[in-house]
């Protein structure tokens, strides 16, 4: 039951995270908001909201800062993990589109498998290798429609995509001791707030002329949706690692590009080729098989 709970958490979290991609793509394409401005607002507001909720429920949210070791680890997670994943992901969207950025994120399972294998000094289980290979084949079909000639990713988009994969792998592996000691919600809340404030300081958000964009009701509603969906997705993703392995979490989160693509098709009118649909089918089969094989392993 615990493993099933972990799978449910990561699937729902991945779907919610996948849904945020097209929303951010629309905001970046239809408003004057930059990546830095969008993320500073999103992370800061989400972090404050989550920490306020914990404070109102009687949780000691400041205890982690009373220990230098934990505080230092939290800052590292906030900058490299939380902000690293968010910024590289949105930058990849800005350099390409939501679907491509989400697909490029799935370089992360490769980095996770390599790290875990090196740390354990042994080859990964066959089901993990085959599951990731199948997932990557599906991603290739989704990205190219089975044509090498159509693999038209700009160097900038590819660079940000690799950064997403590395940051996501770090985000998956690093915070486990923090969460065990201080709880998922507290770590996520502080991670968002510290990451958002750091980005705001670097980008000097107080000098930005983009604040006027937030005067439009439609934009405010979209930002609220982004903050809510993203926060819940992060909480579910991190919570899932209490019940399933980091590698399985990374690969099962392949639901994200499927969600991003479906929303892009339904809401924004994107179209799918025949081999892209085959890619969706291949990914679903591999994800399902990975879960079953992991249960028996």
Protein backbone atom coordinates (compact mmCIF):
# COMPACT_ATOMS: atom_id res chain seq x y z
CA UNK A 1 0.00 0.00 0.00
CA UNK A 2 2.86 2.40 0.76
CA UNK A 3 4.36 1.82 -2.68
CA UNK A 4 0.96 2.41 -4.30
CA UNK A 5 0.63 5.64 -2.29
CA UNK A 6 4.00 6.80 -3.59
CA UNK A 7 3.04 6.01 -7.19
CA UNK A 8 -0.25 7.91 -6.82
CA UNK A 9 1.58 10.91 -5.34
CA UNK A 10 4.13 11.11 -8.15
CA UNK A 11 1.57 10.59 -10.93
CA UNK A 12 -0.74 13.34 -9.64
CA UNK A 13 2.22 15.62 -8.91
CA UNK A 14 3.66 15.03 -12.37
CA UNK A 15 0.31 15.81 -14.01
CA UNK A 16 0.01 19.07 -12.07
CA UNK A 17 3.60 20.06 -12.88
CA UNK A 18 3.04 19.18 -16.54
CA UNK A 19 -0.01 21.46 -16.55
CA UNK A 20 2.06 24.45 -15.42
CA UNK A 21 4.31 24.32 -18.51
CA UNK A 22 1.74 25.48 -21.09
CA UNK A 23 0.48 28.15 -18.67
CA UNK A 24 3.98 29.58 -18.26
CA UNK A 25 4.55 29.38 -22.01
CA UNK A 26 1.41 31.45 -22.59
CA UNK A 27 2.46 34.07 -20.02
CA UNK A 28 5.95 34.40 -21.49
CA UNK A 29 4.59 34.69 -25.04
CA UNK A 30 1.63 37.00 -24.38
CA UNK A 31 2.94 39.35 -21.70
CA UNK A 32 6.09 41.35 -21.07
CA UNK A 33 7.06 39.14 -18.14
CA UNK A 34 10.57 37.73 -18.14
CA UNK A 35 11.66 34.38 -16.71
CA UNK A 36 13.20 36.07 -13.64
CA UNK A 37 10.15 38.21 -12.88
CA UNK A 38 7.69 35.33 -13.32
CA UNK A 39 9.67 32.98 -11.08
CA UNK A 40 10.45 35.55 -8.39
CA UNK A 41 6.73 36.23 -7.91
CA UNK A 42 5.74 32.59 -8.16
CA UNK A 43 8.33 31.20 -5.75
CA UNK A 44 8.13 34.01 -3.19
CA UNK A 45 4.34 34.03 -2.95
CA UNK A 46 4.13 30.22 -2.84
CA UNK A 47 6.82 30.04 -0.15
CA UNK A 48 5.18 32.70 2.02
CA UNK A 49 1.78 31.04 1.65
CA UNK A 50 3.05 27.60 2.58
CA UNK A 51 5.08 28.80 5.56
CA UNK A 52 2.16 30.91 6.80
CA UNK A 53 -0.08 27.85 6.68
CA UNK A 54 2.46 25.86 8.72
CA UNK A 55 2.80 28.69 11.22
CA UNK A 56 -0.98 28.89 11.68
CA UNK A 57 -1.15 25.14 12.30
CA UNK A 58 1.39 25.43 15.11
CA UNK A 59 4.48 24.14 13.34
CA UNK A 60 7.91 25.47 14.28
CA UNK A 61 9.08 26.73 10.90
CA UNK A 62 12.17 28.52 12.22
CA UNK A 63 13.78 25.59 14.00
CA UNK A 64 15.77 24.52 10.95
CA UNK A 65 17.67 27.82 10.95
CA UNK A 66 18.89 27.25 14.51
CA UNK A 67 21.24 24.53 13.25
CA UNK A 68 24.06 25.69 10.98
CA UNK A 69 24.39 22.34 9.21
CA UNK A 70 20.69 22.06 8.37
CA UNK A 71 20.46 25.73 7.48
CA UNK A 72 23.38 25.43 5.08
CA UNK A 73 21.86 22.35 3.44
CA UNK A 74 18.54 24.16 3.10
CA UNK A 75 20.19 27.12 1.36
CA UNK A 76 21.97 24.75 -1.05
CA UNK A 77 18.70 22.96 -1.80
CA UNK A 78 16.88 26.28 -2.25
CA UNK A 79 19.37 27.68 -4.76
CA UNK A 80 20.63 24.62 -6.63
CA UNK A 81 17.56 22.40 -6.28
CA UNK A 82 14.39 24.47 -6.05
CA UNK A 83 15.50 27.57 -7.97
CA UNK A 84 17.73 25.49 -10.27
CA UNK A 85 14.85 23.30 -11.42
CA UNK A 86 12.39 26.15 -11.74
CA UNK A 87 14.66 28.60 -13.56
CA UNK A 88 16.17 26.10 -16.01
CA UNK A 89 12.71 24.67 -16.76
CA UNK A 90 11.11 28.04 -17.47
CA UNK A 91 14.20 29.18 -19.42
CA UNK A 92 13.91 26.03 -21.55
CA UNK A 93 10.25 26.84 -22.18
CA UNK A 94 11.23 30.37 -23.20
CA UNK A 95 13.88 29.00 -25.59
CA UNK A 96 11.58 26.37 -27.12
CA UNK A 97 8.11 25.49 -25.81
CA UNK A 98 6.43 23.77 -22.88
CA UNK A 99 6.38 20.30 -24.43
CA UNK A 100 10.04 20.34 -25.53
CA UNK A 101 11.18 21.72 -22.16
CA UNK A 102 9.28 19.03 -20.28
CA UNK A 103 10.71 16.32 -22.53
CA UNK A 104 14.26 17.56 -22.07
CA UNK A 105 13.71 17.35 -18.31
CA UNK A 106 13.77 13.58 -18.71
CA UNK A 107 17.49 13.52 -19.02
CA UNK A 108 17.22 13.49 -15.21
CA UNK A 109 16.56 9.73 -14.81
CA UNK A 110 19.81 9.04 -16.61
CA UNK A 111 21.75 11.23 -14.18
CA UNK A 112 19.93 9.67 -11.21
CA UNK A 113 20.65 6.11 -12.35
CA UNK A 114 24.32 6.93 -12.97
CA UNK A 115 24.69 8.59 -9.56
CA UNK A 116 22.94 5.77 -7.67
CA UNK A 117 24.90 3.11 -9.56
CA UNK A 118 28.23 4.83 -8.87
CA UNK A 119 27.41 5.33 -5.19
CA UNK A 120 26.42 1.66 -4.82
CA UNK A 121 29.28 0.54 -7.09
CA UNK A 122 27.08 -1.79 -9.11
CA UNK A 123 25.08 -1.84 -12.32
CA UNK A 124 21.43 -0.76 -12.08
CA UNK A 125 18.71 -3.44 -12.29
CA UNK A 126 17.77 -4.46 -15.82
CA UNK A 127 14.20 -3.26 -15.41
CA UNK A 128 15.41 0.27 -14.64
CA UNK A 129 17.72 0.32 -17.65
CA UNK A 130 15.04 -1.04 -19.97
CA UNK A 131 12.39 1.25 -18.50
CA UNK A 132 14.52 4.34 -19.05
CA UNK A 133 15.54 3.24 -22.55
CA UNK A 134 11.91 2.70 -23.47
CA UNK A 135 10.94 6.05 -21.99
CA UNK A 136 13.67 7.83 -23.95
CA UNK A 137 12.58 6.11 -27.17
CA UNK A 138 9.06 7.36 -26.52
CA UNK A 139 10.40 10.86 -25.84
CA UNK A 140 12.36 10.76 -29.08
CA UNK A 141 9.23 9.89 -31.04
CA UNK A 142 7.29 12.65 -29.30
CA UNK A 143 10.02 15.17 -30.03
CA UNK A 144 10.83 14.26 -33.63
CA UNK A 145 7.85 12.34 -35.02
CA UNK A 146 10.42 9.61 -35.89
CA UNK A 147 12.43 11.89 -38.19
CA UNK A 148 16.04 12.79 -37.41
CA UNK A 149 15.71 15.74 -39.77
CA UNK A 150 13.00 17.28 -37.58
CA UNK A 151 15.11 17.31 -34.41
CA UNK A 152 15.27 21.07 -34.50
CA UNK A 153 16.31 22.14 -31.02
CA UNK A 154 18.35 25.30 -30.69
CA UNK A 155 21.67 25.03 -28.83
CA UNK A 156 20.25 27.36 -26.17
CA UNK A 157 17.18 25.16 -25.65
CA UNK A 158 19.34 22.03 -25.48
CA UNK A 159 21.67 23.66 -22.96
CA UNK A 160 18.78 24.65 -20.72
CA UNK A 161 17.30 21.17 -21.17
CA UNK A 162 20.51 19.55 -19.89
CA UNK A 163 20.48 22.01 -17.00
CA UNK A 164 16.90 20.97 -16.18
CA UNK A 165 17.94 17.32 -16.11
CA UNK A 166 20.91 17.94 -13.83
CA UNK A 167 18.95 20.21 -11.49
CA UNK A 168 16.04 17.76 -11.38
CA UNK A 169 18.39 14.89 -10.51
CA UNK A 170 19.89 16.97 -7.69
CA UNK A 171 16.40 17.97 -6.55
CA UNK A 172 15.42 14.30 -6.43
CA UNK A 173 18.41 13.02 -4.47
CA UNK A 174 19.67 15.83 -2.22
CA UNK A 175 16.79 16.84 0.13
CA UNK A 176 15.92 13.41 1.56
CA UNK A 177 17.71 13.96 4.93
CA UNK A 178 16.24 17.47 5.18
CA UNK A 179 12.71 16.23 4.63
CA UNK A 180 13.13 13.35 7.06
CA UNK A 181 14.31 15.71 9.80
CA UNK A 182 12.10 18.77 9.17
CA UNK A 183 9.18 17.62 7.02
CA UNK A 184 8.34 18.05 3.34
CA UNK A 185 6.16 21.14 3.69
CA UNK A 186 8.71 23.11 5.71
CA UNK A 187 11.56 22.27 3.33
CA UNK A 188 9.48 23.10 0.24
CA UNK A 189 8.18 26.33 1.78
CA UNK A 190 11.61 27.63 2.75
CA UNK A 191 13.11 26.37 -0.51
CA UNK A 192 10.62 28.40 -2.52
CA UNK A 193 10.96 31.53 -0.38
CA UNK A 194 14.77 31.52 -0.25
CA UNK A 195 15.01 30.72 -3.96
CA UNK A 196 12.50 33.42 -4.87
CA UNK A 197 14.13 36.09 -2.71
CA UNK A 198 17.60 35.23 -4.05
CA UNK A 199 16.39 35.51 -7.64
CA UNK A 200 14.57 38.76 -6.87
CA UNK A 201 17.72 40.29 -5.41
CA UNK A 202 19.89 39.22 -8.34
CA UNK A 203 17.36 40.48 -10.91
CA UNK A 204 16.57 43.64 -8.88
CA UNK A 205 12.86 43.02 -9.19
CA UNK A 206 12.01 46.25 -7.36
CA UNK A 207 13.31 48.16 -10.38
CA UNK A 208 11.26 46.17 -12.89
CA UNK A 209 8.65 47.83 -15.09
CA UNK A 210 6.72 44.54 -15.37
CA UNK A 211 4.60 45.10 -12.26
CA UNK A 212 1.89 46.74 -14.38
CA UNK A 213 1.19 43.36 -16.00
CA UNK A 214 -0.25 42.18 -12.70
CA UNK A 215 -3.00 44.80 -12.95
CA UNK A 216 -4.88 42.54 -15.40
CA UNK A 217 -7.32 40.11 -13.77
CA UNK A 218 -6.64 37.34 -16.28
CA UNK A 219 -2.91 37.46 -15.57
CA UNK A 220 -3.47 37.46 -11.81
CA UNK A 221 -5.73 34.38 -12.08
CA UNK A 222 -3.14 32.56 -14.19
CA UNK A 223 -0.43 33.40 -11.67
CA UNK A 224 -2.60 32.09 -8.82
CA UNK A 225 -3.14 28.86 -10.77
CA UNK A 226 0.60 28.53 -11.40
CA UNK A 227 1.44 29.09 -7.74
CA UNK A 228 -1.16 26.60 -6.49
CA UNK A 229 -0.51 23.84 -9.05
CA UNK A 230 3.26 24.17 -8.80
CA UNK A 231 3.29 24.10 -5.00
CA UNK A 232 1.06 21.02 -4.78
CA UNK A 233 3.13 19.29 -7.49
CA UNK A 234 6.40 19.89 -5.62
CA UNK A 235 4.92 18.63 -2.33
CA UNK A 236 3.56 15.46 -3.92
CA UNK A 237 6.81 14.83 -5.80
CA UNK A 238 8.96 15.08 -2.69
CA UNK A 239 6.43 13.13 -0.59
CA UNK A 240 6.48 10.25 -3.08
CA UNK A 241 10.15 9.59 -2.27
CA UNK A 242 9.13 8.36 1.18
CA UNK A 243 7.52 5.35 -0.51
CA UNK A 244 9.37 4.68 -3.80
CA UNK A 245 12.97 5.02 -4.93
CA UNK A 246 14.46 8.16 -6.46
CA UNK A 247 15.00 6.39 -9.77
CA UNK A 248 11.39 5.20 -9.94
CA UNK A 249 10.20 8.69 -8.98
CA UNK A 250 12.19 10.22 -11.82
CA UNK A 251 10.96 7.77 -14.44
CA UNK A 252 7.34 7.70 -13.26
CA UNK A 253 7.26 11.47 -13.58
CA UNK A 254 7.28 10.94 -17.36
CA UNK A 255 3.57 11.63 -17.02
CA UNK A 256 4.58 15.31 -17.11
CA UNK A 257 5.29 15.65 -20.84
CA UNK A 258 2.14 13.73 -21.66
CA UNK A 259 0.10 16.19 -19.59
CA UNK A 260 1.90 19.17 -21.12
CA UNK A 261 1.29 17.87 -24.62
CA UNK A 262 -2.39 17.08 -24.04
CA UNK A 263 -3.03 20.57 -22.65
CA UNK A 264 -1.07 22.13 -25.52
CA UNK A 265 -3.22 20.23 -28.02
CA UNK A 266 -6.59 20.87 -26.36
CA UNK A 267 -6.09 24.44 -25.15
CA UNK A 268 -3.50 25.91 -27.52
CA UNK A 269 -4.30 23.95 -30.67
CA UNK A 270 -1.00 22.10 -31.06
CA UNK A 271 -1.09 19.03 -33.30
CA UNK A 272 0.39 15.55 -32.89
CA UNK A 273 1.83 13.39 -35.66
CA UNK A 274 1.34 9.65 -35.99
CA UNK A 275 4.73 8.74 -34.49
CA UNK A 276 4.22 11.21 -31.67
CA UNK A 277 1.08 9.32 -30.69
CA UNK A 278 3.08 6.10 -30.86
CA UNK A 279 5.59 7.76 -28.55
CA UNK A 280 2.85 8.50 -26.03
CA UNK A 281 1.80 4.84 -26.14
CA UNK A 282 5.40 3.60 -25.73
CA UNK A 283 5.94 5.87 -22.72
CA UNK A 284 2.77 4.74 -21.00
CA UNK A 285 3.70 1.07 -21.52
CA UNK A 286 7.21 1.62 -20.16
CA UNK A 287 6.02 3.56 -17.12
CA UNK A 288 3.41 0.90 -16.29
CA UNK A 289 5.91 -1.92 -16.76
CA UNK A 290 8.51 -0.13 -14.66
CA UNK A 291 6.06 0.10 -11.76
CA UNK A 292 5.16 -3.59 -11.98
CA UNK A 293 8.80 -4.69 -12.32
CA UNK A 294 9.81 -2.46 -9.42
CA UNK A 295 7.17 -4.08 -7.23
CA UNK A 296 8.60 -7.53 -7.96
CA UNK A 297 12.26 -6.52 -7.76
